Amino acid sequence: MSNENDPKPDGGTASHPEQDVTEFEDHPLEWDEPENNNLAPDERASVSQSAEKDDDPKLVTGQAKYTADYEKKFPDLAHAAVVRSDVPHGRVANIDTNDAEEMDGVHAVLTPWSDETPDAKYTSAGQSYPEPSPWDMNVLNEHVRYIGDPVAAIAADDAETARAAADAIEVEYEENDYVLDPEEAYSEDAPQIFGDDEVENKIVGHDYSRNRMSQIEGEIGDVDGAVDRDDVHVHETEWETIRQSHAQIEKHTTLAYTDEDDRHVLVTSTQVPNHTRRQLAHLFDIPIRDIRVSKPRVGGGFGGKQAMVVEPIPLALALAADRPVIYEATREEEFAGMRSRHPMKVRARTAVTDDGSIEAIDLYALSNTGAYGSHGMTVAGNVGSKPMPLYSKVPNARFKADIVHTNTPQTGAMRGYGAPQGTLALEGHLDEVARDLDLDPIEFRKRHYMEVGDLDEIAGMMGGEGAERRIRSCGLDECIERGMDAIGWGDIDQPDEEHRHRGIGMALSAQGTGVAGDELGAAQLMMNEDGSFHLHVGGVDIGTGADTAFIQIAAEVLGCPETDIVIKSSDTDVTPFDYGAYASSTTYISGMAVKKAAEDAKERILHWGSKLLEEPEANLETGDGEVYSEETGESVSLEEIGYEAAYGHDEREHILGKGTHCTEESPPPFAAQFADVTVDEETGEFEVNKLVVAVDCGVAINPGMAEGQVEGANHMSYEMAVSEGITFDDDGRSEVTSFGDYDWPTASETPTIESILVETHEPTGPFGAKSVAEVPTNTVPPALSNAIRETVGVRITDMPITPEKIRAALEDDE
């Protein structure tokens, strides 16, 4: 079979002579990049510096305010508690609230039938509009679908009274059959979790008679034709991932009240303030203008707060009780009633020739979305659309997914957003193929992975959040080279004991940077008389350091110290519109909006500098807190300009800058992961000696923060490889109720993680930046599985990797 993009011996297709000219017209290689966007390292004053995080001082001194800290402002504040279903599937036949309502200190009790309880259907997914998730939820439920589904809510003087009132409520259920396993749920005789009339905004491929909320499929080329060829080896492997918790330190918390103008205000720990405002307006039938959503500091999100998880309950209670209400979820509720990573089974199949040419890749995923479908389709789509494009030179590719309901807690967005599940399957599978064909696993990958100039069609083959894209930056070669050096590839010592063995495994990964064609960020910059600035951004800092990166970007453009910029972010009444913190978009999308706002303000600063210096603006530049002439060396301070603009005699102006940014581009960051492991073949016990991950994130705006993101993501990835995640008993009740129950690696149990930043320049990003926070989340499970395979010859495909599984596999081999 011919292949229009047959790889050259060196893996290159740089000239692309046979590609249609229109491909380059639609996706040009050369990007119309402003000159100031591509600065040499020695020209950067603020960007590429590891500046101290803007909020570090108040974080370490305890001055930072999270949502729960605002309760002291409201002397009449009530506290909320929620009654949750204790059956996995059924209907509420009766709720006796009499005892609760008679308790001293109880101000409101809501059930599914209360007037103040919204009866509209909605999705909790914090996504753009219209949401690509079904409207299948109610705030309080008559039809319950998992142990933990909200049934009733209480507002009382304090948390203890609210909890006691919740315990006093008696609920009678008509119980239904239930199903916990996604394969069983998909069978024709499984209990049906949704009736056809219980869902609005249904998603493509739904079949609720089989508990399927969506089915998606995309293909380029002819996969079946390639698989049926006589000259290829067909390999097939199956993989399984865990239900992982976000395990963020700050629990889901919202404080709701009505202000003196009868507007509804929510202070809430969220990644998506503007989406939440829109969703509340829909749910409560309140105009958007009458809702304000404000995000204080957030103690971790990792995707778990890219959803309107708890906000409707305190708002409904505040309306019913006519007083402010705060709801802070318990840690048990976090594990049993909030969100988690979708557990999946993924099948990988390839057709490969004797000489190692991959002719086809075929992935199939069965995703367990739990009781409700928020983020169900889009997460499953990323199982294919993120890992598969890494091998963009493969001519035939197909991805299919079934997303199925079970009577387990609903899942949702989580760091990596489907890519970890797909990366495990694809990178583990390719390692197995390379071993079977006696190929070097790294050289095998190099023959097929993307490089600068390639047109990635795989990312767009399913539509939705994916899109064709031209690759304009790629540091994979350097990531691999530096990663190999750091891990000691081919140069490790074996243990002295004959029953212990040491080996190294590796895996690659690509992600996206924002959602192509479905993002918007905005910023506004105001100059003060003294030459300082107030920066208002809609972009959401959830502890990642985004505010600091925004300040550095603005300071680079304005030529001022970072300390002269005061930032205000994420208040829908005050700051510009932004889609929020998800999809690795914050620096790329919101950061570019900040850069545009700073450039807009800079134009006016140079105008005033020209007046004061009596020189043409073309001669002027900013730097070191001044506007200076590149011709004469004369200068004027930003403070002088600020005062002149505000109080001058013949002309006055408040210097403002505005910027908005959206794009059809989503350039991939890349990662090369290496795992060094020692395995005891007698017991299966293993020790991960070291993890190395090299990441191409374009230009790192703040290298210190970027390294922190890489190491944090890699720890989360390590957890996915070696921990059980959230497990359930036979009735569907979560067996994890606290951090003590959650089997995650502590700091002392985590191997050394060495992070390496490989700098490339992405011309579509602010100062060459692309994303960094998600791609290292994808890579440890396959790298560790590959390392175990390299060391003792057995393959573990279902996560977590445990000594028991290794020992069992070794015994099967004997």
Foldseek 3Di string as FASTA:
>chain_A
DDALLQADLQLDPQVSVPDDPVVCVVFPLDDPFDPLLADDPVLFDQFLAQDPFPCVVCVVVVNFDAQVNCPVVFQQAWEKDFQWDQFLWWFWPDKDLVVLVPDPFWQDKDFCPDPLFFPDFAFFFLADPPALFKRQDGLAGRTAHAGLGTGMMTIGRDPVSNVVSSVVMDIDTDGDDFFFDLVQLQDQPHDQLDDPVRIDPQHDQDDSSSQFRYKFKFKFDDQVVLQPDPQWDKDKDKFWFFWFAQPFPFFWKWKWAQDPVRAIEIETQAQFQVSLLVRVCVRNVNDSVRYKYFYGAARGPQFQRSTNFNVVRQHSVCVSSVGMYMYGDALQCSQAAGATAWIKMKMWMWIAGLVLQTQEIEMEIETEQESGIHLQVVLCLCLFLWFVLQQQSHRIYMYMYTYGYGSGHGHGAGFQSNPQNSQQNPFLRLLVVCVVSVHDSVSSSSSGGDDAQDWRCRNPRRPDQGDIHGANKDDVVVQVVVLCVVVVPPHDDADPDPQKWKFKFKGKTKAWFDRFPRWKWKKKWWAALQLAIEIETAEDCNPLSLVVLLLSLLCSQQQEDSVSYHYDYNMVVPGDDTSGDDRNHRCFFNSVNSNQQSNQLNVVLLVLFCVVVVHDSVQWGHHHQWIAGVVPRDIDGSNNSSNCQPPNDPHHDGRMGMGMGHHSGIHMKMKMKMWMKMARLVQLDMATAEIEMEIEFARRSNVVSLVVLLVVLLQLLVQRAAFNHWDADPSNRTPDRHPVSGDGADPVRDHYYHYHYDHDACSSGRSRGGGRNRGSNNIDNNRVQSRLCVIQNFGDRYDHRDSVVSNVRSVVVD
